[in-house]
Amino acid sequence: MANTTSGSYTFDKTFSIDEIIAEAYERIGLVGTAGHQLLSARRSLNILFQEWGNRGIHFWEIGNTNIDLTEGTQTYDFFRDSADGTSATTTPVNGIYGITDILSASYRTDYNTTSQTDLPLTKVSRDTYAAFSNKLNKGTPSQFWVQRFIDKTTVTIYPTAASTQASNYINIYYVKRIQDAGAYTNASDAPYRFIPCMISGLAYYLSQKYAPQRTQEMKLLYEDELARALAEDGSAASTYITPKTYYPNI
């Protein structure tokens, strides 16, 4: 018999929410769940995704876009969902939702040309922004301040754009929230490397409700697998270490 492989790399793409729930229940000794237990598990999975948001940056949720500057506009809003409000106009995408934080920003001129130039903006605190004497001062933006609300995240720039700067953009790198589980036939909004800890985390959450005698065991497994996933996430960069040489007698 030929030693063949599947040639496929899409397990995480076809691993639906109902299968994730079934696997998590099996780990705590429950098989053949239905009705309220399915609803309970989906709710716990969504809560788990929210808890991941407190564990640091998830690199698969980082995006990049340009905010279209408007003369004299201080603050640009990015809403949780289109039902909450209209997000700031961006290029090339018209409106982005679910942003939880802005990591960095640059003032971008001559977009999409060979003369394109980025001037980095400094991220400042609320107190620093509050100390600016004239917040409507116009000019080339050099600083920005981020506020995070329940239904939106806002980025406030200083100085505001004058008519000359309004033809340009603020380029941002942002972090989005993990998408809700949604329908049971959906795939999860998580990459393959986070599948093991997602299952373990859901099993840990479900054990608190259905198998409390196994909660500590499930927690240890979850924390172990999550630590490995977080350590592997992202993209490694080269690091160069140069020793400092000291010649005291020369």
C-alpha atoms as a PDB file:
ATOM      1  CA  MET A   1       0.000   0.000   0.000  1.00  0.00           C
ATOM      2  CA  ALA A   2       1.368   3.411  -0.983  1.00  0.00           C
ATOM      3  CA  ASN A   3       2.541   5.646   1.822  1.00  0.00           C
ATOM      4  CA  THR A   4       0.522   8.738   0.889  1.00  0.00           C
ATOM      5  CA  THR A   5      -0.333  11.907   2.789  1.00  0.00           C
ATOM      6  CA  SER A   6      -3.377  14.138   2.541  1.00  0.00           C
ATOM      7  CA  GLY A   7      -1.561  17.043   0.884  1.00  0.00           C
ATOM      8  CA  SER A   8      -3.921  19.317   2.799  1.00  0.00           C
ATOM      9  CA  TYR A   9      -3.190  22.059   5.346  1.00  0.00           C
ATOM     10  CA  THR A  10      -6.729  23.221   6.136  1.00  0.00           C
ATOM     11  CA  PHE A  11      -7.709  21.397   9.340  1.00  0.00           C
ATOM     12  CA  ASP A  12      -8.136  24.663  11.230  1.00  0.00           C
ATOM     13  CA  LYS A  13     -10.179  26.081   8.331  1.00  0.00           C
ATOM     14  CA  THR A  14     -12.724  23.266   8.481  1.00  0.00           C
ATOM     15  CA  PHE A  15     -12.635  22.710  12.269  1.00  0.00           C
ATOM     16  CA  SER A  16     -16.081  24.091  13.103  1.00  0.00           C
ATOM     17  CA  ILE A  17     -17.347  25.534  16.381  1.00  0.00           C
ATOM     18  CA  ASP A  18     -19.532  22.487  17.094  1.00  0.00           C
ATOM     19  CA  GLU A  19     -16.498  20.181  16.744  1.00  0.00           C
ATOM     20  CA  ILE A  20     -14.479  22.440  19.040  1.00  0.00           C
ATOM     21  CA  ILE A  21     -17.262  22.212  21.628  1.00  0.00           C
ATOM     22  CA  ALA A  22     -17.521  18.425  21.276  1.00  0.00           C
ATOM     23  CA  GLU A  23     -13.752  17.986  21.761  1.00  0.00           C
ATOM     24  CA  ALA A  24     -13.764  20.208  24.862  1.00  0.00           C
ATOM     25  CA  TYR A  25     -16.690  18.319  26.438  1.00  0.00           C
ATOM     26  CA  GLU A  26     -15.023  14.967  25.745  1.00  0.00           C
ATOM     27  CA  ARG A  27     -11.949  16.128  27.650  1.00  0.00           C
ATOM     28  CA  ILE A  28     -14.024  16.544  30.799  1.00  0.00           C
ATOM     29  CA  GLY A  29     -15.869  13.275  30.257  1.00  0.00           C
ATOM     30  CA  LEU A  30     -19.131  14.437  28.670  1.00  0.00           C
ATOM     31  CA  VAL A  31     -20.226  12.917  25.333  1.00  0.00           C
ATOM     32  CA  GLY A  32     -23.347  13.545  23.267  1.00  0.00           C
ATOM     33  CA  THR A  33     -24.146  17.027  24.537  1.00  0.00           C
ATOM     34  CA  ALA A  34     -26.978  19.112  23.102  1.00  0.00           C
ATOM     35  CA  GLY A  35     -29.379  21.952  23.810  1.00  0.00           C
ATOM     36  CA  HIS A  36     -28.390  24.175  26.730  1.00  0.00           C
ATOM     37  CA  GLN A  37     -24.916  22.599  26.981  1.00  0.00           C
ATOM     38  CA  LEU A  38     -24.125  23.691  23.408  1.00  0.00           C
ATOM     39  CA  LEU A  39     -25.271  27.234  24.142  1.00  0.00           C
ATOM     40  CA  SER A  40     -23.291  27.237  27.375  1.00  0.00           C
ATOM     41  CA  ALA A  41     -20.131  26.091  25.587  1.00  0.00           C
ATOM     42  CA  ARG A  42     -20.422  28.689  22.827  1.00  0.00           C
ATOM     43  CA  ARG A  43     -20.884  31.387  25.457  1.00  0.00           C
ATOM     44  CA  SER A  44     -17.804  30.150  27.309  1.00  0.00           C
ATOM     45  CA  LEU A  45     -15.806  30.118  24.064  1.00  0.00           C
ATOM     46  CA  ASN A  46     -16.658  33.774  23.439  1.00  0.00           C
ATOM     47  CA  ILE A  47     -15.643  34.628  27.008  1.00  0.00           C
ATOM     48  CA  LEU A  48     -12.380  32.744  26.466  1.00  0.00           C
ATOM     49  CA  PHE A  49     -11.657  34.895  23.397  1.00  0.00           C
ATOM     50  CA  GLN A  50     -12.243  38.009  25.516  1.00  0.00           C
ATOM     51  CA  GLU A  51      -9.819  36.654  28.134  1.00  0.00           C
ATOM     52  CA  TRP A  52      -7.205  36.161  25.436  1.00  0.00           C
ATOM     53  CA  GLY A  53      -7.442  39.890  24.767  1.00  0.00           C
ATOM     54  CA  ASN A  54      -5.938  40.438  28.223  1.00  0.00           C
ATOM     55  CA  ARG A  55      -3.033  38.084  27.518  1.00  0.00           C
ATOM     56  CA  GLY A  56      -1.183  40.473  25.224  1.00  0.00           C
ATOM     57  CA  ILE A  57      -0.993  41.139  21.498  1.00  0.00           C
ATOM     58  CA  HIS A  58      -2.138  38.436  19.089  1.00  0.00           C
ATOM     59  CA  PHE A  59      -0.169  38.928  15.910  1.00  0.00           C
ATOM     60  CA  TRP A  60      -2.774  37.466  13.568  1.00  0.00           C
ATOM     61  CA  GLU A  61      -5.109  40.300  14.559  1.00  0.00           C
ATOM     62  CA  ILE A  62      -2.682  43.106  13.645  1.00  0.00           C
ATOM     63  CA  GLY A  63      -3.691  45.161  10.609  1.00  0.00           C
ATOM     64  CA  ASN A  64      -2.467  48.203   8.716  1.00  0.00           C
ATOM     65  CA  THR A  65      -4.390  51.001   7.027  1.00  0.00           C
ATOM     66  CA  ASN A  66      -4.358  54.720   6.224  1.00  0.00           C
ATOM     67  CA  ILE A  67      -6.744  57.158   7.909  1.00  0.00           C
ATOM     68  CA  ASP A  68      -7.972  59.818   5.502  1.00  0.00           C
ATOM     69  CA  LEU A  69      -7.143  63.143   7.172  1.00  0.00           C
ATOM     70  CA  THR A  70      -9.782  65.869   7.386  1.00  0.00           C
ATOM     71  CA  GLU A  71      -8.835  69.483   7.979  1.00  0.00           C
ATOM     72  CA  GLY A  72      -9.282  70.499  11.617  1.00  0.00           C
ATOM     73  CA  THR A  73     -10.441  67.045  12.771  1.00  0.00           C
ATOM     74  CA  GLN A  74      -8.897  66.000  16.086  1.00  0.00           C
ATOM     75  CA  THR A  75     -10.381  62.568  16.702  1.00  0.00           C
ATOM     76  CA  TYR A  76     -11.047  59.575  14.449  1.00  0.00           C
ATOM     77  CA  ASP A  77     -13.401  56.861  15.715  1.00  0.00           C
ATOM     78  CA  PHE A  78     -13.219  53.102  15.134  1.00  0.00           C
ATOM     79  CA  PHE A  79     -16.379  51.400  16.342  1.00  0.00           C
ATOM     80  CA  ARG A  80     -16.798  47.880  17.668  1.00  0.00           C
ATOM     81  CA  ASP A  81     -19.434  47.103  15.043  1.00  0.00           C
ATOM     82  CA  SER A  82     -21.273  48.926  12.260  1.00  0.00           C
ATOM     83  CA  ALA A  83     -24.368  48.950  14.496  1.00  0.00           C
ATOM     84  CA  ASP A  84     -22.470  51.113  17.021  1.00  0.00           C
ATOM     85  CA  GLY A  85     -21.520  53.855  14.563  1.00  0.00           C
ATOM     86  CA  THR A  86     -19.592  54.690  11.419  1.00  0.00           C
ATOM     87  CA  SER A  87     -15.849  54.150  11.695  1.00  0.00           C
ATOM     88  CA  ALA A  88     -13.318  56.588  10.302  1.00  0.00           C
ATOM     89  CA  THR A  89     -12.809  56.489   6.553  1.00  0.00           C
ATOM     90  CA  THR A  90      -9.650  54.610   5.665  1.00  0.00           C
ATOM     91  CA  THR A  91      -7.646  53.860   2.527  1.00  0.00           C
ATOM     92  CA  PRO A  92      -7.806  51.391   0.829  1.00  0.00           C
ATOM     93  CA  VAL A  93     -10.596  49.935   3.035  1.00  0.00           C
ATOM     94  CA  ASN A  94     -13.627  52.122   3.710  1.00  0.00           C
ATOM     95  CA  GLY A  95     -14.267  51.705   7.425  1.00  0.00           C
ATOM     96  CA  ILE A  96     -12.726  49.177   9.811  1.00  0.00           C
ATOM     97  CA  TYR A  97     -14.475  47.677  12.846  1.00  0.00           C
ATOM     98  CA  GLY A  98     -13.392  45.847  15.990  1.00  0.00           C
ATOM     99  CA  ILE A  99     -10.123  47.726  16.607  1.00  0.00           C
ATOM    100  CA  THR A 100      -9.042  47.439  20.231  1.00  0.00           C
ATOM    101  CA  ASP A 101      -5.819  49.492  20.177  1.00  0.00           C
ATOM    102  CA  ILE A 102      -3.495  51.508  17.946  1.00  0.00           C
ATOM    103  CA  LEU A 103       0.092  50.278  18.149  1.00  0.00           C
ATOM    104  CA  SER A 104       1.855  52.921  16.067  1.00  0.00           C
ATOM    105  CA  ALA A 105       1.102  55.739  13.651  1.00  0.00           C
ATOM    106  CA  SER A 106       2.899  57.756  10.975  1.00  0.00           C
ATOM    107  CA  TYR A 107       2.057  60.814   8.917  1.00  0.00           C
ATOM    108  CA  ARG A 108       2.117  59.578   5.305  1.00  0.00           C
ATOM    109  CA  THR A 109       2.603  61.797   2.264  1.00  0.00           C
ATOM    110  CA  ASP A 110       2.531  60.988  -1.460  1.00  0.00           C
ATOM    111  CA  TYR A 111       0.701  57.733  -0.788  1.00  0.00           C
ATOM    112  CA  ASN A 112       1.159  54.933  -3.321  1.00  0.00           C
ATOM    113  CA  THR A 113       3.865  56.734  -5.289  1.00  0.00           C
ATOM    114  CA  THR A 114       7.635  56.328  -5.531  1.00  0.00           C
ATOM    115  CA  SER A 115       7.920  59.479  -3.394  1.00  0.00           C
ATOM    116  CA  GLN A 116       5.874  58.066  -0.484  1.00  0.00           C
ATOM    117  CA  THR A 117       7.232  59.208   2.877  1.00  0.00           C
ATOM    118  CA  ASP A 118       6.309  58.286   6.470  1.00  0.00           C
ATOM    119  CA  LEU A 119       6.975  60.528   9.456  1.00  0.00           C
ATOM    120  CA  PRO A 120       6.525  58.592  12.742  1.00  0.00           C
ATOM    121  CA  LEU A 121       4.110  60.001  15.329  1.00  0.00           C
ATOM    122  CA  THR A 122       4.754  59.738  19.069  1.00  0.00           C
ATOM    123  CA  LYS A 123       2.082  58.002  21.166  1.00  0.00           C
ATOM    124  CA  VAL A 124       1.321  60.146  24.227  1.00  0.00           C
ATOM    125  CA  SER A 125      -0.687  59.718  27.418  1.00  0.00           C
ATOM    126  CA  ARG A 126      -3.945  61.428  28.379  1.00  0.00           C
ATOM    127  CA  ASP A 127      -2.110  63.782  30.731  1.00  0.00           C
ATOM    128  CA  THR A 128       0.357  64.815  28.027  1.00  0.00           C
ATOM    129  CA  TYR A 129      -2.430  65.530  25.558  1.00  0.00           C
ATOM    130  CA  ALA A 130      -4.421  67.423  28.196  1.00  0.00           C
ATOM    131  CA  ALA A 131      -1.425  69.713  28.745  1.00  0.00           C
ATOM    132  CA  PHE A 132      -1.408  70.936  25.125  1.00  0.00           C
ATOM    133  CA  SER A 133      -2.566  74.550  25.256  1.00  0.00           C
ATOM    134  CA  ASN A 134      -4.260  74.729  21.849  1.00  0.00           C
ATOM    135  CA  LYS A 135      -5.605  71.353  20.796  1.00  0.00           C
ATOM    136  CA  LEU A 136      -7.042  72.800  17.577  1.00  0.00           C
ATOM    137  CA  ASN A 137      -3.661  74.027  16.421  1.00  0.00           C
ATOM    138  CA  LYS A 138      -3.182  73.077  12.754  1.00  0.00           C
ATOM    139  CA  GLY A 139      -0.051  71.704  11.143  1.00  0.00           C
ATOM    140  CA  THR A 140       1.771  68.467  10.438  1.00  0.00           C
ATOM    141  CA  PRO A 141       0.580  65.810  12.933  1.00  0.00           C
ATOM    142  CA  SER A 142       3.389  64.659  15.227  1.00  0.00           C
ATOM    143  CA  GLN A 143       1.659  63.004  18.213  1.00  0.00           C
ATOM    144  CA  PHE A 144      -1.391  60.859  18.898  1.00  0.00           C
ATOM    145  CA  TRP A 145      -3.420  59.690  21.877  1.00  0.00           C
ATOM    146  CA  VAL A 146      -5.626  56.572  22.049  1.00  0.00           C
ATOM    147  CA  GLN A 147      -8.794  56.097  24.109  1.00  0.00           C
ATOM    148  CA  ARG A 148     -10.467  52.690  24.462  1.00  0.00           C
ATOM    149  CA  PHE A 149     -14.202  52.674  25.161  1.00  0.00           C
ATOM    150  CA  ILE A 150     -16.800  49.883  25.339  1.00  0.00           C
ATOM    151  CA  ASP A 151     -18.088  50.429  21.815  1.00  0.00           C
ATOM    152  CA  LYS A 152     -15.169  52.158  20.099  1.00  0.00           C
ATOM    153  CA  THR A 153     -11.490  53.063  20.084  1.00  0.00           C
ATOM    154  CA  THR A 154     -10.501  56.621  19.199  1.00  0.00           C
ATOM    155  CA  VAL A 155      -7.230  58.100  17.969  1.00  0.00           C
ATOM    156  CA  THR A 156      -6.714  61.811  18.572  1.00  0.00           C
ATOM    157  CA  ILE A 157      -3.933  63.588  16.673  1.00  0.00           C
ATOM    158  CA  TYR A 158      -1.973  66.733  17.427  1.00  0.00           C
ATOM    159  CA  PRO A 159      -1.662  69.105  15.694  1.00  0.00           C
ATOM    160  CA  THR A 160      -4.798  68.683  13.598  1.00  0.00           C
ATOM    161  CA  ALA A 161      -4.433  68.652   9.821  1.00  0.00           C
ATOM    162  CA  ALA A 162      -4.468  71.949   7.951  1.00  0.00           C
ATOM    163  CA  SER A 163      -5.689  72.121   4.351  1.00  0.00           C
ATOM    164  CA  THR A 164      -2.266  71.049   3.072  1.00  0.00           C
ATOM    165  CA  GLN A 165      -2.064  67.981   5.342  1.00  0.00           C
ATOM    166  CA  ALA A 166      -5.686  66.999   4.639  1.00  0.00           C
ATOM    167  CA  SER A 167      -4.617  65.622   1.261  1.00  0.00           C
ATOM    168  CA  ASN A 168      -2.458  63.053   3.076  1.00  0.00           C
ATOM    169  CA  TYR A 169      -2.984  60.254   5.620  1.00  0.00           C
ATOM    170  CA  ILE A 170      -2.196  58.837   9.029  1.00  0.00           C
ATOM    171  CA  ASN A 171      -0.875  55.302   8.560  1.00  0.00           C
ATOM    172  CA  ILE A 172      -1.669  53.074  11.546  1.00  0.00           C
ATOM    173  CA  TYR A 173      -0.896  49.590  12.774  1.00  0.00           C
ATOM    174  CA  TYR A 174      -3.812  48.390  14.873  1.00  0.00           C
ATOM    175  CA  VAL A 175      -4.946  45.357  16.870  1.00  0.00           C
ATOM    176  CA  LYS A 176      -8.427  43.933  16.264  1.00  0.00           C
ATOM    177  CA  ARG A 177     -10.573  41.915  18.621  1.00  0.00           C
ATOM    178  CA  ILE A 178     -10.933  38.180  18.056  1.00  0.00           C
ATOM    179  CA  GLN A 179     -14.190  37.563  16.208  1.00  0.00           C
ATOM    180  CA  ASP A 180     -17.157  36.020  18.015  1.00  0.00           C
ATOM    181  CA  ALA A 181     -17.776  32.286  17.619  1.00  0.00           C
ATOM    182  CA  GLY A 182     -21.114  32.886  15.896  1.00  0.00           C
ATOM    183  CA  ALA A 183     -22.857  29.971  14.176  1.00  0.00           C
ATOM    184  CA  TYR A 184     -21.892  26.420  15.136  1.00  0.00           C
ATOM    185  CA  THR A 185     -20.822  25.775  11.527  1.00  0.00           C
ATOM    186  CA  ASN A 186     -18.276  28.629  11.602  1.00  0.00           C
ATOM    187  CA  ALA A 187     -14.554  28.128  11.923  1.00  0.00           C
ATOM    188  CA  SER A 188     -12.840  29.944  14.799  1.00  0.00           C
ATOM    189  CA  ASP A 189     -10.964  33.204  14.324  1.00  0.00           C
ATOM    190  CA  ALA A 190      -7.702  31.679  15.538  1.00  0.00           C
ATOM    191  CA  PRO A 191      -4.670  30.274  13.670  1.00  0.00           C
ATOM    192  CA  TYR A 192      -3.739  26.592  13.768  1.00  0.00           C
ATOM    193  CA  ARG A 193      -1.049  27.122  16.419  1.00  0.00           C
ATOM    194  CA  PHE A 194      -3.716  28.284  18.906  1.00  0.00           C
ATOM    195  CA  ILE A 195      -6.119  25.375  18.323  1.00  0.00           C
ATOM    196  CA  PRO A 196      -4.682  23.173  21.147  1.00  0.00           C
ATOM    197  CA  CYS A 197      -4.871  25.904  23.803  1.00  0.00           C
ATOM    198  CA  MET A 198      -8.312  26.982  22.595  1.00  0.00           C
ATOM    199  CA  ILE A 199      -9.640  23.463  23.189  1.00  0.00           C
ATOM    200  CA  SER A 200      -7.871  23.216  26.542  1.00  0.00           C
ATOM    201  CA  GLY A 201      -9.155  26.627  27.578  1.00  0.00           C
ATOM    202  CA  LEU A 202     -12.731  25.780  26.691  1.00  0.00           C
ATOM    203  CA  ALA A 203     -12.447  22.448  28.550  1.00  0.00           C
ATOM    204  CA  TYR A 204     -11.158  24.370  31.593  1.00  0.00           C
ATOM    205  CA  TYR A 205     -14.084  26.802  31.443  1.00  0.00           C
ATOM    206  CA  LEU A 206     -16.620  23.991  31.003  1.00  0.00           C
ATOM    207  CA  SER A 207     -15.113  21.969  33.856  1.00  0.00           C
ATOM    208  CA  GLN A 208     -16.013  24.782  36.255  1.00  0.00           C
ATOM    209  CA  LYS A 209     -19.672  24.169  35.395  1.00  0.00           C
ATOM    210  CA  TYR A 210     -19.856  20.450  34.671  1.00  0.00           C
ATOM    211  CA  ALA A 211     -16.799  18.759  36.206  1.00  0.00           C
ATOM    212  CA  PRO A 212     -15.421  20.894  39.055  1.00  0.00           C
ATOM    213  CA  GLN A 213     -13.336  17.982  40.336  1.00  0.00           C
ATOM    214  CA  ARG A 214     -11.209  18.324  37.183  1.00  0.00           C
ATOM    215  CA  THR A 215     -10.949  22.115  37.085  1.00  0.00           C
ATOM    216  CA  GLN A 216      -7.432  22.339  38.524  1.00  0.00           C
ATOM    217  CA  GLU A 217      -6.183  19.678  36.113  1.00  0.00           C
ATOM    218  CA  MET A 218      -7.789  21.448  33.144  1.00  0.00           C
ATOM    219  CA  LYS A 219      -6.359  24.804  34.242  1.00  0.00           C
ATOM    220  CA  LEU A 220      -2.803  23.448  34.350  1.00  0.00           C
ATOM    221  CA  LEU A 221      -3.158  21.937  30.886  1.00  0.00           C
ATOM    222  CA  TYR A 222      -4.634  25.149  29.512  1.00  0.00           C
ATOM    223  CA  GLU A 223      -1.968  27.446  30.947  1.00  0.00           C
ATOM    224  CA  ASP A 224       0.784  25.143  29.672  1.00  0.00           C
ATOM    225  CA  GLU A 225      -0.549  25.031  26.115  1.00  0.00           C
ATOM    226  CA  LEU A 226      -1.359  28.743  26.055  1.00  0.00           C
ATOM    227  CA  ALA A 227       2.172  29.626  27.176  1.00  0.00           C
ATOM    228  CA  ARG A 228       3.611  27.598  24.292  1.00  0.00           C
ATOM    229  CA  ALA A 229       1.253  29.221  21.774  1.00  0.00           C
ATOM    230  CA  LEU A 230       2.065  32.739  22.966  1.00  0.00           C
ATOM    231  CA  ALA A 231       5.797  32.008  22.864  1.00  0.00           C
ATOM    232  CA  GLU A 232       5.516  30.753  19.272  1.00  0.00           C
ATOM    233  CA  ASP A 233       3.236  33.534  18.029  1.00  0.00           C
ATOM    234  CA  GLY A 234       4.632  36.347  15.912  1.00  0.00           C
ATOM    235  CA  SER A 235       7.639  36.421  13.642  1.00  0.00           C
ATOM    236  CA  ALA A 236      11.164  36.222  15.003  1.00  0.00           C
ATOM    237  CA  ALA A 237      13.647  38.909  13.985  1.00  0.00           C
ATOM    238  CA  SER A 238      17.425  38.796  13.894  1.00  0.00           C
ATOM    239  CA  THR A 239      19.194  39.909  17.060  1.00  0.00           C
ATOM    240  CA  TYR A 240      22.777  41.126  17.086  1.00  0.00           C
ATOM    241  CA  ILE A 241      24.790  41.264  20.323  1.00  0.00           C
ATOM    242  CA  THR A 242      28.098  43.158  20.249  1.00  0.00           C
ATOM    243  CA  PRO A 243      30.401  42.839  23.262  1.00  0.00           C
ATOM    244  CA  LYS A 244      31.742  46.033  24.774  1.00  0.00           C
ATOM    245  CA  THR A 245      35.540  45.985  24.941  1.00  0.00           C
ATOM    246  CA  TYR A 246      37.315  47.946  27.663  1.00  0.00           C
ATOM    247  CA  TYR A 247      41.063  48.489  27.798  1.00  0.00           C
ATOM    248  CA  PRO A 248      41.801  50.253  31.147  1.00  0.00           C
ATOM    249  CA  ASN A 249      45.572  50.416  30.724  1.00  0.00           C
ATOM    250  CA  ILE A 250      45.761  51.856  27.215  1.00  0.00           C
END
